Amino acid sequence: MSDAFPQAVDTCRPPIRLRAVERLAIRELVRGDNAFMLDAARAGQDIDRLARERGVQIDQFMATLDAAQAAAFSAMYVEEVLAQASVAAQAQAQTRRAGEADLRLAMQELAARRQRALMRAVTGVIVLCILAGLAAFWVTRR
């Protein structure tokens, strides 16, 4: 996955060429497609169009396979897509939980600061009351 997806990029994926219908090859295909789509989304590309184009390429590839290989490819492809989605969802949930923990910590720090500010204000009022009382005592004593 690249850091920046050039705006003038050729958004067409190369045709699918697998040396064999095997899980590791399909897993790498799905990972490559996911990385491509994430980069394209970050660049503001039309993800729906790209997904439809890739779907056509997958159909074309499957047409080159016999029925048993096509069924095996289809099953493994779906499993790998679901596995990648699950991993992404778990990572997103973990990031969200970390963000929530950071937010709770920030809220606790803010509450502690407010408490300290309130205590300083109360202390200031008490000191002013004491000073006013002392001033009144000295004025009435004369």
N, C-alpha and C. Protein backbone atom coordinates (compact mmCIF):
# COMPACT_ATOMS: atom_id res chain seq x y z
N MET A 1 0.84 -1.16 0.00
CA MET A 1 0.00 0.00 0.00
C MET A 1 0.89 1.23 0.00
N SER A 2 0.61 2.15 -0.86
CA SER A 2 1.45 3.35 -0.93
C SER A 2 0.87 4.44 -0.05
N ASP A 3 1.72 5.43 0.29
CA ASP A 3 1.27 6.53 1.12
C ASP A 3 0.39 7.49 0.33
N ALA A 4 0.71 7.66 -0.94
CA ALA A 4 -0.07 8.57 -1.76
C ALA A 4 -0.46 7.87 -3.05
N PHE A 5 -1.67 8.07 -3.46
CA PHE A 5 -2.19 7.48 -4.68
C PHE A 5 -2.23 8.60 -5.69
N PRO A 6 -1.38 8.57 -6.74
CA PRO A 6 -1.35 9.67 -7.69
C PRO A 6 -2.72 9.93 -8.29
N GLN A 7 -3.07 11.18 -8.46
CA GLN A 7 -4.37 11.54 -9.01
C GLN A 7 -4.53 11.07 -10.46
N ALA A 8 -3.45 11.06 -11.23
CA ALA A 8 -3.52 10.68 -12.63
C ALA A 8 -3.11 9.23 -12.80
N VAL A 9 -3.50 8.38 -11.89
CA VAL A 9 -3.08 6.99 -11.92
C VAL A 9 -3.99 6.19 -12.85
N ASP A 10 -3.41 5.15 -13.43
CA ASP A 10 -4.21 4.20 -14.20
C ASP A 10 -4.91 3.31 -13.18
N THR A 11 -6.22 3.46 -13.07
CA THR A 11 -6.95 2.75 -12.02
C THR A 11 -7.37 1.35 -12.45
N CYS A 12 -6.91 0.89 -13.58
CA CYS A 12 -7.24 -0.47 -14.02
C CYS A 12 -6.27 -1.46 -13.39
N ARG A 13 -6.82 -2.50 -12.83
CA ARG A 13 -5.99 -3.56 -12.26
C ARG A 13 -5.60 -4.52 -13.38
N PRO A 14 -4.42 -5.11 -13.31
CA PRO A 14 -4.03 -6.08 -14.34
C PRO A 14 -4.92 -7.31 -14.26
N PRO A 15 -5.05 -8.04 -15.35
CA PRO A 15 -5.86 -9.26 -15.31
C PRO A 15 -5.32 -10.23 -14.26
N ILE A 16 -6.19 -11.07 -13.77
CA ILE A 16 -5.82 -12.03 -12.74
C ILE A 16 -5.07 -13.19 -13.40
N ARG A 17 -3.89 -13.45 -12.87
CA ARG A 17 -3.10 -14.59 -13.34
C ARG A 17 -2.56 -15.31 -12.10
N LEU A 18 -3.09 -16.47 -11.83
CA LEU A 18 -2.62 -17.28 -10.71
C LEU A 18 -1.91 -18.50 -11.26
N ARG A 19 -0.81 -18.86 -10.62
CA ARG A 19 -0.09 -20.06 -11.06
C ARG A 19 -0.90 -21.31 -10.75
N ALA A 20 -1.73 -21.24 -9.72
CA ALA A 20 -2.61 -22.37 -9.36
C ALA A 20 -3.73 -21.83 -8.49
N VAL A 21 -4.83 -22.55 -8.45
CA VAL A 21 -5.94 -22.18 -7.58
C VAL A 21 -5.60 -22.73 -6.21
N GLU A 22 -4.91 -21.89 -5.42
CA GLU A 22 -4.51 -22.30 -4.07
C GLU A 22 -4.72 -21.11 -3.13
N ARG A 23 -4.93 -21.43 -1.88
CA ARG A 23 -5.32 -20.42 -0.90
C ARG A 23 -4.31 -19.28 -0.77
N LEU A 24 -3.03 -19.58 -0.70
CA LEU A 24 -2.03 -18.52 -0.51
C LEU A 24 -2.04 -17.54 -1.68
N ALA A 25 -2.17 -18.05 -2.88
CA ALA A 25 -2.21 -17.17 -4.06
C ALA A 25 -3.47 -16.30 -4.03
N ILE A 26 -4.58 -16.89 -3.65
CA ILE A 26 -5.84 -16.15 -3.58
C ILE A 26 -5.78 -15.12 -2.46
N ARG A 27 -5.17 -15.49 -1.33
CA ARG A 27 -5.01 -14.56 -0.21
C ARG A 27 -4.21 -13.34 -0.65
N GLU A 28 -3.13 -13.56 -1.36
CA GLU A 28 -2.31 -12.44 -1.85
C GLU A 28 -3.09 -11.59 -2.85
N LEU A 29 -3.90 -12.24 -3.69
CA LEU A 29 -4.74 -11.50 -4.63
C LEU A 29 -5.70 -10.59 -3.88
N VAL A 30 -6.35 -11.12 -2.86
CA VAL A 30 -7.31 -10.33 -2.07
C VAL A 30 -6.59 -9.20 -1.33
N ARG A 31 -5.44 -9.48 -0.75
CA ARG A 31 -4.68 -8.43 -0.06
C ARG A 31 -4.29 -7.31 -1.02
N GLY A 32 -3.84 -7.70 -2.21
CA GLY A 32 -3.47 -6.70 -3.21
C GLY A 32 -4.67 -5.86 -3.63
N ASP A 33 -5.81 -6.52 -3.82
CA ASP A 33 -7.03 -5.78 -4.19
C ASP A 33 -7.44 -4.84 -3.07
N ASN A 34 -7.37 -5.30 -1.81
CA ASN A 34 -7.73 -4.44 -0.69
C ASN A 34 -6.82 -3.23 -0.60
N ALA A 35 -5.53 -3.45 -0.73
CA ALA A 35 -4.58 -2.33 -0.68
C ALA A 35 -4.85 -1.35 -1.80
N PHE A 36 -5.11 -1.87 -2.99
CA PHE A 36 -5.40 -1.01 -4.14
C PHE A 36 -6.65 -0.17 -3.88
N MET A 37 -7.70 -0.81 -3.37
CA MET A 37 -8.96 -0.11 -3.12
C MET A 37 -8.81 0.94 -2.02
N LEU A 38 -8.05 0.63 -0.97
CA LEU A 38 -7.83 1.61 0.09
C LEU A 38 -7.09 2.83 -0.45
N ASP A 39 -6.05 2.60 -1.24
CA ASP A 39 -5.31 3.71 -1.84
C ASP A 39 -6.20 4.52 -2.77
N ALA A 40 -7.01 3.83 -3.55
CA ALA A 40 -7.91 4.52 -4.47
C ALA A 40 -8.94 5.34 -3.71
N ALA A 41 -9.47 4.80 -2.62
CA ALA A 41 -10.44 5.53 -1.81
C ALA A 41 -9.82 6.78 -1.21
N ARG A 42 -8.59 6.66 -0.73
CA ARG A 42 -7.90 7.83 -0.17
C ARG A 42 -7.68 8.91 -1.22
N ALA A 43 -7.53 8.48 -2.45
CA ALA A 43 -7.30 9.43 -3.54
C ALA A 43 -8.61 9.97 -4.13
N GLY A 44 -9.73 9.50 -3.59
CA GLY A 44 -11.02 10.00 -4.05
C GLY A 44 -11.50 9.34 -5.34
N GLN A 45 -10.97 8.19 -5.67
CA GLN A 45 -11.39 7.48 -6.88
C GLN A 45 -12.78 6.87 -6.67
N ASP A 46 -13.43 6.52 -7.78
CA ASP A 46 -14.76 5.91 -7.75
C ASP A 46 -14.61 4.43 -7.41
N ILE A 47 -14.78 4.09 -6.16
CA ILE A 47 -14.59 2.73 -5.67
C ILE A 47 -15.62 1.77 -6.26
N ASP A 48 -16.85 2.23 -6.43
CA ASP A 48 -17.88 1.36 -7.00
C ASP A 48 -17.48 0.92 -8.41
N ARG A 49 -17.01 1.86 -9.21
CA ARG A 49 -16.60 1.53 -10.57
C ARG A 49 -15.42 0.56 -10.55
N LEU A 50 -14.45 0.83 -9.69
CA LEU A 50 -13.28 -0.04 -9.60
C LEU A 50 -13.67 -1.46 -9.16
N ALA A 51 -14.60 -1.55 -8.22
CA ALA A 51 -15.05 -2.87 -7.75
C ALA A 51 -15.78 -3.61 -8.86
N ARG A 52 -16.62 -2.90 -9.62
CA ARG A 52 -17.32 -3.54 -10.75
C ARG A 52 -16.33 -4.04 -11.79
N GLU A 53 -15.32 -3.22 -12.08
CA GLU A 53 -14.31 -3.62 -13.05
C GLU A 53 -13.56 -4.86 -12.57
N ARG A 54 -13.23 -4.90 -11.29
CA ARG A 54 -12.52 -6.06 -10.75
C ARG A 54 -13.42 -7.29 -10.78
N GLY A 55 -14.71 -7.09 -10.52
CA GLY A 55 -15.66 -8.19 -10.60
C GLY A 55 -15.70 -8.80 -11.99
N VAL A 56 -15.65 -7.96 -13.00
CA VAL A 56 -15.61 -8.46 -14.39
C VAL A 56 -14.33 -9.26 -14.62
N GLN A 57 -13.21 -8.76 -14.11
CA GLN A 57 -11.94 -9.48 -14.26
C GLN A 57 -11.99 -10.83 -13.55
N ILE A 58 -12.61 -10.88 -12.39
CA ILE A 58 -12.74 -12.16 -11.67
C ILE A 58 -13.60 -13.12 -12.47
N ASP A 59 -14.70 -12.61 -13.02
CA ASP A 59 -15.56 -13.47 -13.85
C ASP A 59 -14.79 -13.99 -15.07
N GLN A 60 -14.01 -13.12 -15.69
CA GLN A 60 -13.22 -13.54 -16.85
C GLN A 60 -12.20 -14.62 -16.46
N PHE A 61 -11.56 -14.43 -15.32
CA PHE A 61 -10.60 -15.43 -14.86
C PHE A 61 -11.29 -16.76 -14.59
N MET A 62 -12.42 -16.71 -13.90
CA MET A 62 -13.13 -17.94 -13.57
C MET A 62 -13.61 -18.67 -14.82
N ALA A 63 -13.87 -17.93 -15.89
CA ALA A 63 -14.31 -18.56 -17.15
C ALA A 63 -13.19 -19.40 -17.76
N THR A 64 -11.95 -19.14 -17.37
CA THR A 64 -10.83 -19.92 -17.90
C THR A 64 -10.60 -21.22 -17.11
N LEU A 65 -11.30 -21.37 -16.00
CA LEU A 65 -11.12 -22.54 -15.14
C LEU A 65 -12.18 -23.59 -15.44
N ASP A 66 -11.87 -24.85 -15.11
CA ASP A 66 -12.93 -25.87 -15.22
C ASP A 66 -13.87 -25.69 -14.02
N ALA A 67 -14.97 -26.40 -14.03
CA ALA A 67 -16.02 -26.21 -13.02
C ALA A 67 -15.51 -26.43 -11.60
N ALA A 68 -14.72 -27.45 -11.38
CA ALA A 68 -14.21 -27.74 -10.03
C ALA A 68 -13.26 -26.64 -9.56
N GLN A 69 -12.37 -26.21 -10.46
CA GLN A 69 -11.43 -25.14 -10.09
C GLN A 69 -12.18 -23.82 -9.84
N ALA A 70 -13.18 -23.55 -10.68
CA ALA A 70 -13.96 -22.31 -10.50
C ALA A 70 -14.68 -22.32 -9.16
N ALA A 71 -15.26 -23.47 -8.79
CA ALA A 71 -15.95 -23.57 -7.50
C ALA A 71 -14.97 -23.41 -6.35
N ALA A 72 -13.81 -24.03 -6.47
CA ALA A 72 -12.79 -23.91 -5.42
C ALA A 72 -12.29 -22.47 -5.31
N PHE A 73 -12.02 -21.86 -6.46
CA PHE A 73 -11.56 -20.46 -6.46
C PHE A 73 -12.62 -19.57 -5.81
N SER A 74 -13.86 -19.72 -6.24
CA SER A 74 -14.95 -18.89 -5.72
C SER A 74 -15.07 -19.03 -4.20
N ALA A 75 -15.05 -20.26 -3.70
CA ALA A 75 -15.18 -20.49 -2.25
C ALA A 75 -14.00 -19.88 -1.49
N MET A 76 -12.79 -20.12 -1.98
CA MET A 76 -11.61 -19.58 -1.28
C MET A 76 -11.56 -18.06 -1.37
N TYR A 77 -11.96 -17.50 -2.52
CA TYR A 77 -11.95 -16.05 -2.69
C TYR A 77 -12.90 -15.40 -1.69
N VAL A 78 -14.11 -15.95 -1.59
CA VAL A 78 -15.09 -15.40 -0.63
C VAL A 78 -14.57 -15.54 0.79
N GLU A 79 -14.00 -16.68 1.14
CA GLU A 79 -13.45 -16.87 2.49
C GLU A 79 -12.35 -15.86 2.79
N GLU A 80 -11.48 -15.63 1.84
CA GLU A 80 -10.38 -14.69 2.05
C GLU A 80 -10.87 -13.25 2.14
N VAL A 81 -11.87 -12.90 1.33
CA VAL A 81 -12.45 -11.55 1.43
C VAL A 81 -13.07 -11.36 2.81
N LEU A 82 -13.82 -12.35 3.28
CA LEU A 82 -14.44 -12.26 4.60
C LEU A 82 -13.38 -12.20 5.70
N ALA A 83 -12.31 -12.96 5.55
CA ALA A 83 -11.24 -12.94 6.55
C ALA A 83 -10.57 -11.56 6.59
N GLN A 84 -10.31 -10.99 5.42
CA GLN A 84 -9.70 -9.66 5.37
C GLN A 84 -10.64 -8.62 5.99
N ALA A 85 -11.93 -8.74 5.71
CA ALA A 85 -12.90 -7.80 6.29
C ALA A 85 -12.94 -7.94 7.81
N SER A 86 -12.86 -9.18 8.30
CA SER A 86 -12.85 -9.42 9.74
C SER A 86 -11.62 -8.81 10.39
N VAL A 87 -10.47 -8.99 9.77
CA VAL A 87 -9.23 -8.41 10.31
C VAL A 87 -9.33 -6.89 10.33
N ALA A 88 -9.86 -6.32 9.25
CA ALA A 88 -10.00 -4.86 9.19
C ALA A 88 -10.97 -4.36 10.26
N ALA A 89 -12.07 -5.09 10.46
CA ALA A 89 -13.05 -4.69 11.48
C ALA A 89 -12.44 -4.77 12.88
N GLN A 90 -11.65 -5.81 13.15
CA GLN A 90 -11.00 -5.94 14.45
C GLN A 90 -10.00 -4.80 14.68
N ALA A 91 -9.24 -4.47 13.65
CA ALA A 91 -8.27 -3.38 13.77
C ALA A 91 -8.99 -2.05 14.01
N GLN A 92 -10.10 -1.85 13.32
CA GLN A 92 -10.87 -0.62 13.50
C GLN A 92 -11.45 -0.56 14.91
N ALA A 93 -11.96 -1.68 15.40
CA ALA A 93 -12.52 -1.71 16.76
C ALA A 93 -11.43 -1.46 17.80
N GLN A 94 -10.25 -2.02 17.58
CA GLN A 94 -9.14 -1.79 18.51
C GLN A 94 -8.72 -0.32 18.49
N THR A 95 -8.67 0.28 17.32
CA THR A 95 -8.34 1.69 17.21
C THR A 95 -9.40 2.54 17.91
N ARG A 96 -10.67 2.17 17.73
CA ARG A 96 -11.76 2.91 18.37
C ARG A 96 -11.67 2.78 19.89
N ARG A 97 -11.38 1.55 20.38
CA ARG A 97 -11.24 1.36 21.83
C ARG A 97 -10.08 2.19 22.37
N ALA A 98 -8.98 2.22 21.64
CA ALA A 98 -7.83 3.02 22.08
C ALA A 98 -8.21 4.50 22.10
N GLY A 99 -8.96 4.92 21.10
CA GLY A 99 -9.41 6.32 21.06
C GLY A 99 -10.36 6.63 22.21
N GLU A 100 -11.24 5.68 22.52
CA GLU A 100 -12.15 5.87 23.65
C GLU A 100 -11.38 5.95 24.97
N ALA A 101 -10.36 5.12 25.11
CA ALA A 101 -9.53 5.15 26.33
C ALA A 101 -8.81 6.49 26.43
N ASP A 102 -8.29 6.98 25.31
CA ASP A 102 -7.64 8.30 25.30
C ASP A 102 -8.63 9.39 25.67
N LEU A 103 -9.87 9.27 25.16
CA LEU A 103 -10.90 10.26 25.47
C LEU A 103 -11.25 10.21 26.95
N ARG A 104 -11.39 8.99 27.51
CA ARG A 104 -11.68 8.88 28.95
C ARG A 104 -10.58 9.51 29.78
N LEU A 105 -9.33 9.25 29.41
CA LEU A 105 -8.19 9.83 30.13
C LEU A 105 -8.21 11.35 30.03
N ALA A 106 -8.49 11.86 28.86
CA ALA A 106 -8.55 13.32 28.68
C ALA A 106 -9.69 13.92 29.51
N MET A 107 -10.82 13.22 29.56
CA MET A 107 -11.95 13.72 30.36
C MET A 107 -11.60 13.69 31.85
N GLN A 108 -10.90 12.66 32.30
CA GLN A 108 -10.48 12.59 33.69
C GLN A 108 -9.51 13.73 34.02
N GLU A 109 -8.57 13.99 33.11
CA GLU A 109 -7.63 15.09 33.32
C GLU A 109 -8.35 16.42 33.36
N LEU A 110 -9.33 16.60 32.47
CA LEU A 110 -10.10 17.84 32.46
C LEU A 110 -10.89 18.00 33.75
N ALA A 111 -11.50 16.91 34.23
CA ALA A 111 -12.24 16.96 35.49
C ALA A 111 -11.31 17.31 36.64
N ALA A 112 -10.11 16.74 36.65
CA ALA A 112 -9.14 17.04 37.72
C ALA A 112 -8.73 18.51 37.65
N ARG A 113 -8.51 19.03 36.46
CA ARG A 113 -8.15 20.46 36.32
C ARG A 113 -9.28 21.36 36.80
N ARG A 114 -10.51 20.99 36.43
CA ARG A 114 -11.66 21.79 36.89
C ARG A 114 -11.77 21.76 38.41
N GLN A 115 -11.54 20.58 38.98
CA GLN A 115 -11.59 20.45 40.44
C GLN A 115 -10.53 21.34 41.10
N ARG A 116 -9.30 21.31 40.55
CA ARG A 116 -8.23 22.15 41.10
C ARG A 116 -8.57 23.63 40.94
N ALA A 117 -9.14 24.01 39.79
CA ALA A 117 -9.51 25.41 39.57
C ALA A 117 -10.61 25.82 40.54
N LEU A 118 -11.56 24.95 40.77
CA LEU A 118 -12.64 25.24 41.71
C LEU A 118 -12.10 25.39 43.13
N MET A 119 -11.18 24.51 43.51
CA MET A 119 -10.58 24.59 44.84
C MET A 119 -9.79 25.90 45.00
N ARG A 120 -9.08 26.31 43.95
CA ARG A 120 -8.36 27.59 44.02
C ARG A 120 -9.34 28.75 44.16
N ALA A 121 -10.45 28.67 43.43
CA ALA A 121 -11.45 29.74 43.52
C ALA A 121 -12.06 29.79 44.92
N VAL A 122 -12.41 28.62 45.46
CA VAL A 122 -12.98 28.57 46.81
C VAL A 122 -11.97 29.09 47.82
N THR A 123 -10.72 28.67 47.69
CA THR A 123 -9.67 29.13 48.59
C THR A 123 -9.53 30.64 48.50
N GLY A 124 -9.59 31.16 47.27
CA GLY A 124 -9.50 32.62 47.08
C GLY A 124 -10.64 33.36 47.75
N VAL A 125 -11.85 32.81 47.64
CA VAL A 125 -13.01 33.44 48.28
C VAL A 125 -12.86 33.40 49.79
N ILE A 126 -12.39 32.28 50.32
CA ILE A 126 -12.19 32.16 51.77
C ILE A 126 -11.16 33.17 52.25
N VAL A 127 -10.06 33.28 51.50
CA VAL A 127 -9.02 34.24 51.87
C VAL A 127 -9.58 35.66 51.84
N LEU A 128 -10.37 35.98 50.82
CA LEU A 128 -10.97 37.31 50.74
C LEU A 128 -11.92 37.57 51.90
N CYS A 129 -12.69 36.55 52.28
CA CYS A 129 -13.61 36.70 53.42
C CYS A 129 -12.82 36.94 54.71
N ILE A 130 -11.73 36.21 54.86
CA ILE A 130 -10.91 36.39 56.06
C ILE A 130 -10.31 37.79 56.08
N LEU A 131 -9.78 38.22 54.92
CA LEU A 131 -9.20 39.57 54.85
C LEU A 131 -10.25 40.65 55.11
N ALA A 132 -11.46 40.44 54.57
CA ALA A 132 -12.54 41.40 54.79
C ALA A 132 -12.92 41.42 56.27
N GLY A 133 -12.95 40.25 56.88
CA GLY A 133 -13.26 40.17 58.31
C GLY A 133 -12.19 40.86 59.14
N LEU A 134 -10.91 40.65 58.80
CA LEU A 134 -9.83 41.32 59.52
C LEU A 134 -9.89 42.82 59.34
N ALA A 135 -10.17 43.22 58.09
CA ALA A 135 -10.27 44.67 57.83
C ALA A 135 -11.42 45.26 58.64
N ALA A 136 -12.56 44.58 58.69
CA ALA A 136 -13.70 45.08 59.47
C ALA A 136 -13.36 45.12 60.95
N PHE A 137 -12.63 44.11 61.44
CA PHE A 137 -12.22 44.09 62.84
C PHE A 137 -11.31 45.28 63.16
N TRP A 138 -10.34 45.56 62.30
CA TRP A 138 -9.42 46.67 62.55
C TRP A 138 -10.12 48.01 62.43
N VAL A 139 -11.09 48.11 61.52
CA VAL A 139 -11.80 49.39 61.37
C VAL A 139 -12.68 49.65 62.60
N THR A 140 -13.34 48.65 63.13
CA THR A 140 -14.22 48.83 64.26
C THR A 140 -13.46 48.99 65.57
N ARG A 141 -12.23 48.59 65.58
CA ARG A 141 -11.42 48.66 66.79
C ARG A 141 -10.93 50.07 67.03
N ARG A 142 -10.84 50.91 66.11
CA ARG A 142 -10.33 52.26 66.28
C ARG A 142 -11.29 53.18 66.88
